[in-house]
N, C-alpha and C. Protein backbone atom coordinates (compact mmCIF):
# COMPACT_ATOMS: atom_id res chain seq x y z
N MET A 1 29.45 -22.49 -45.89
CA MET A 1 28.26 -21.88 -46.42
C MET A 1 28.54 -21.42 -47.86
N ASP A 2 27.80 -21.92 -48.81
CA ASP A 2 27.98 -21.47 -50.19
C ASP A 2 27.04 -20.31 -50.48
N THR A 3 27.14 -19.75 -51.68
CA THR A 3 26.36 -18.55 -52.01
C THR A 3 24.86 -18.80 -52.04
N THR A 4 24.41 -20.04 -52.19
CA THR A 4 22.97 -20.32 -52.20
C THR A 4 22.36 -20.18 -50.81
N ASP A 5 23.18 -20.28 -49.75
CA ASP A 5 22.69 -20.16 -48.38
C ASP A 5 22.59 -18.71 -47.92
N LYS A 6 23.24 -17.80 -48.61
CA LYS A 6 23.25 -16.40 -48.22
C LYS A 6 22.00 -15.70 -48.74
N PRO A 7 21.53 -14.68 -48.01
CA PRO A 7 20.38 -13.93 -48.52
C PRO A 7 20.75 -13.20 -49.81
N LYS A 8 19.77 -13.06 -50.69
CA LYS A 8 20.00 -12.38 -51.96
C LYS A 8 20.16 -10.88 -51.74
N ILE A 9 20.98 -10.27 -52.56
CA ILE A 9 21.17 -8.82 -52.53
C ILE A 9 20.17 -8.21 -53.50
N LYS A 10 19.35 -7.30 -53.02
CA LYS A 10 18.32 -6.68 -53.85
C LYS A 10 18.94 -5.59 -54.72
N ILE A 11 18.59 -5.62 -56.01
CA ILE A 11 19.03 -4.57 -56.93
C ILE A 11 17.82 -4.10 -57.74
N LYS A 12 17.86 -2.84 -58.17
CA LYS A 12 16.78 -2.36 -59.03
C LYS A 12 17.39 -1.60 -60.21
N ALA A 13 16.73 -1.71 -61.35
CA ALA A 13 17.20 -1.06 -62.56
C ALA A 13 17.01 0.45 -62.43
N VAL A 14 18.05 1.19 -62.87
CA VAL A 14 17.97 2.65 -62.81
C VAL A 14 18.22 3.27 -64.18
N GLY A 15 18.47 2.47 -65.19
CA GLY A 15 18.68 3.00 -66.53
C GLY A 15 19.49 2.05 -67.39
N ASP A 16 19.73 2.48 -68.62
CA ASP A 16 20.60 1.68 -69.48
C ASP A 16 21.51 2.61 -70.27
N THR A 17 22.61 2.06 -70.71
CA THR A 17 23.62 2.81 -71.45
C THR A 17 24.05 1.96 -72.64
N VAL A 18 24.99 2.46 -73.41
CA VAL A 18 25.51 1.66 -74.52
C VAL A 18 26.30 0.46 -74.01
N SER A 19 26.70 0.48 -72.73
CA SER A 19 27.48 -0.62 -72.16
C SER A 19 26.63 -1.70 -71.53
N GLY A 20 25.39 -1.39 -71.15
CA GLY A 20 24.53 -2.37 -70.51
C GLY A 20 23.46 -1.72 -69.66
N ILE A 21 22.71 -2.55 -68.94
CA ILE A 21 21.64 -2.09 -68.06
C ILE A 21 22.25 -1.81 -66.69
N VAL A 22 21.96 -0.63 -66.14
CA VAL A 22 22.55 -0.20 -64.87
C VAL A 22 21.57 -0.48 -63.74
N TYR A 23 22.10 -1.02 -62.64
CA TYR A 23 21.33 -1.34 -61.44
C TYR A 23 22.00 -0.69 -60.24
N VAL A 24 21.24 -0.51 -59.17
CA VAL A 24 21.78 0.00 -57.91
C VAL A 24 21.31 -0.93 -56.79
N THR A 25 22.18 -1.12 -55.78
CA THR A 25 21.83 -1.93 -54.61
C THR A 25 21.21 -1.02 -53.56
N GLU A 26 20.65 -1.63 -52.52
CA GLU A 26 20.08 -0.85 -51.41
C GLU A 26 21.13 0.03 -50.75
N LYS A 27 22.38 -0.40 -50.78
CA LYS A 27 23.46 0.37 -50.15
C LYS A 27 24.05 1.42 -51.07
N GLY A 28 23.56 1.49 -52.32
CA GLY A 28 24.02 2.53 -53.23
C GLY A 28 25.15 2.14 -54.17
N SER A 29 25.51 0.87 -54.21
CA SER A 29 26.54 0.42 -55.14
C SER A 29 25.92 0.26 -56.53
N TYR A 30 26.67 0.62 -57.55
CA TYR A 30 26.18 0.52 -58.92
C TYR A 30 26.75 -0.70 -59.62
N LEU A 31 25.88 -1.38 -60.37
CA LEU A 31 26.24 -2.58 -61.12
C LEU A 31 25.79 -2.40 -62.55
N ILE A 32 26.40 -3.13 -63.46
CA ILE A 32 25.98 -3.08 -64.85
C ILE A 32 25.92 -4.49 -65.40
N ASP A 33 24.83 -4.79 -66.11
CA ASP A 33 24.66 -6.08 -66.78
C ASP A 33 25.12 -5.91 -68.22
N VAL A 34 26.30 -6.42 -68.53
CA VAL A 34 26.85 -6.23 -69.88
C VAL A 34 26.24 -7.18 -70.90
N ASN A 35 25.36 -8.09 -70.48
CA ASN A 35 24.65 -8.97 -71.41
C ASN A 35 23.39 -8.32 -71.97
N PHE A 36 22.95 -7.20 -71.39
CA PHE A 36 21.72 -6.51 -71.80
C PHE A 36 20.49 -7.40 -71.66
N ARG A 37 20.57 -8.43 -70.86
CA ARG A 37 19.43 -9.35 -70.76
C ARG A 37 18.44 -8.87 -69.72
N GLY A 38 18.94 -8.39 -68.60
CA GLY A 38 18.05 -7.93 -67.55
C GLY A 38 17.24 -9.05 -66.93
N TYR A 39 16.42 -8.66 -66.02
CA TYR A 39 15.55 -9.59 -65.31
C TYR A 39 14.38 -9.97 -66.20
N ASN A 40 14.00 -11.22 -66.14
CA ASN A 40 12.78 -11.64 -66.84
C ASN A 40 12.15 -12.80 -66.10
N ASP A 41 10.91 -13.10 -66.41
CA ASP A 41 10.18 -14.15 -65.69
C ASP A 41 10.80 -15.53 -65.86
N LYS A 42 11.50 -15.77 -66.97
CA LYS A 42 12.12 -17.07 -67.18
C LYS A 42 13.33 -17.28 -66.27
N HIS A 43 14.02 -16.18 -65.94
CA HIS A 43 15.24 -16.27 -65.12
C HIS A 43 15.20 -15.25 -63.99
N PRO A 44 14.29 -15.42 -63.02
CA PRO A 44 14.16 -14.45 -61.94
C PRO A 44 15.37 -14.42 -61.01
N ASP A 45 16.26 -15.39 -61.12
CA ASP A 45 17.42 -15.44 -60.24
C ASP A 45 18.64 -14.73 -60.82
N CYS A 46 18.47 -13.99 -61.89
CA CYS A 46 19.54 -13.22 -62.53
C CYS A 46 20.59 -14.11 -63.20
N SER A 47 20.29 -15.38 -63.44
CA SER A 47 21.28 -16.31 -63.97
C SER A 47 21.75 -15.97 -65.38
N THR A 48 20.96 -15.21 -66.13
CA THR A 48 21.38 -14.85 -67.49
C THR A 48 22.17 -13.54 -67.52
N MET A 49 22.28 -12.91 -66.37
CA MET A 49 22.98 -11.63 -66.31
C MET A 49 24.49 -11.83 -66.21
N ASP A 50 25.23 -10.83 -66.67
CA ASP A 50 26.68 -10.78 -66.51
C ASP A 50 26.98 -9.48 -65.78
N LEU A 51 26.83 -9.52 -64.45
CA LEU A 51 26.92 -8.32 -63.63
C LEU A 51 28.37 -7.97 -63.30
N HIS A 52 28.66 -6.68 -63.38
CA HIS A 52 29.96 -6.13 -63.02
C HIS A 52 29.73 -4.89 -62.17
N ALA A 53 30.67 -4.60 -61.29
CA ALA A 53 30.63 -3.33 -60.57
C ALA A 53 30.89 -2.23 -61.58
N CYS A 54 30.35 -1.04 -61.33
CA CYS A 54 30.63 0.08 -62.23
C CYS A 54 30.64 1.38 -61.46
N CYS A 55 31.23 2.38 -62.05
CA CYS A 55 31.31 3.71 -61.47
C CYS A 55 30.01 4.45 -61.77
N PRO A 56 29.35 5.02 -60.75
CA PRO A 56 28.06 5.67 -60.99
C PRO A 56 28.14 6.90 -61.90
N ASN A 57 29.27 7.57 -61.94
CA ASN A 57 29.35 8.77 -62.77
C ASN A 57 29.90 8.51 -64.16
N GLU A 58 30.24 7.25 -64.45
CA GLU A 58 30.70 6.90 -65.79
C GLU A 58 30.36 5.45 -66.12
N PRO A 59 29.05 5.12 -66.20
CA PRO A 59 28.66 3.74 -66.45
C PRO A 59 29.05 3.24 -67.85
N ASP A 60 29.31 4.15 -68.78
CA ASP A 60 29.72 3.72 -70.12
C ASP A 60 31.20 3.37 -70.20
N GLY A 61 31.93 3.57 -69.13
CA GLY A 61 33.35 3.22 -69.11
C GLY A 61 33.54 1.71 -69.04
N GLU A 62 34.76 1.29 -68.98
CA GLU A 62 35.09 -0.13 -68.88
C GLU A 62 34.48 -0.70 -67.60
N PRO A 63 33.73 -1.83 -67.67
CA PRO A 63 33.15 -2.42 -66.45
C PRO A 63 34.25 -2.84 -65.50
N ASP A 64 33.95 -2.76 -64.22
CA ASP A 64 34.89 -3.15 -63.18
C ASP A 64 34.83 -4.67 -63.00
N TYR A 65 35.14 -5.15 -61.83
CA TYR A 65 35.22 -6.59 -61.59
C TYR A 65 33.87 -7.28 -61.72
N ARG A 66 33.93 -8.54 -62.13
CA ARG A 66 32.73 -9.35 -62.33
C ARG A 66 32.18 -9.83 -60.99
N LEU A 67 30.86 -9.93 -60.91
CA LEU A 67 30.18 -10.35 -59.70
C LEU A 67 29.43 -11.65 -59.95
N LYS A 68 29.17 -12.39 -58.89
CA LYS A 68 28.40 -13.63 -59.01
C LYS A 68 26.92 -13.27 -59.12
N SER A 69 26.38 -13.39 -60.31
CA SER A 69 25.00 -12.95 -60.58
C SER A 69 23.97 -13.68 -59.73
N GLU A 70 24.26 -14.91 -59.33
CA GLU A 70 23.28 -15.67 -58.56
C GLU A 70 23.07 -15.11 -57.15
N ARG A 71 23.90 -14.18 -56.72
CA ARG A 71 23.76 -13.58 -55.39
C ARG A 71 22.74 -12.44 -55.38
N PHE A 72 22.20 -12.07 -56.55
CA PHE A 72 21.35 -10.89 -56.65
C PHE A 72 19.93 -11.25 -57.06
N ILE A 73 19.01 -10.37 -56.69
CA ILE A 73 17.63 -10.50 -57.14
C ILE A 73 17.13 -9.10 -57.50
N VAL A 74 16.46 -9.00 -58.64
CA VAL A 74 15.96 -7.72 -59.12
C VAL A 74 14.59 -7.45 -58.49
N VAL A 75 14.44 -6.24 -57.96
CA VAL A 75 13.17 -5.82 -57.37
C VAL A 75 12.74 -4.50 -58.02
N ASP A 76 11.45 -4.16 -57.91
CA ASP A 76 10.95 -2.90 -58.44
C ASP A 76 11.24 -1.74 -57.50
N GLU A 77 11.16 -1.98 -56.20
CA GLU A 77 11.38 -0.95 -55.17
C GLU A 77 12.08 -1.58 -53.98
N PHE A 78 12.81 -0.75 -53.24
CA PHE A 78 13.44 -1.21 -51.98
C PHE A 78 12.51 -0.94 -50.82
């Protein structure tokens, strides 16, 4: 099973910092898009994003490990 067969992980924007746009998952994990591109109608599958895990109390710090952006989908509400 490749990543295209798995259900998408829902994320929603919660703010932005000098390091990128901050998102949170339904489970409360924080992510940061260091490309500053965010979700848009041209790329609803997050393919232009460069998502990394991040610490919720210090999102401006060094981004953590990189994530496969195609596994996520941006939503307005959970």
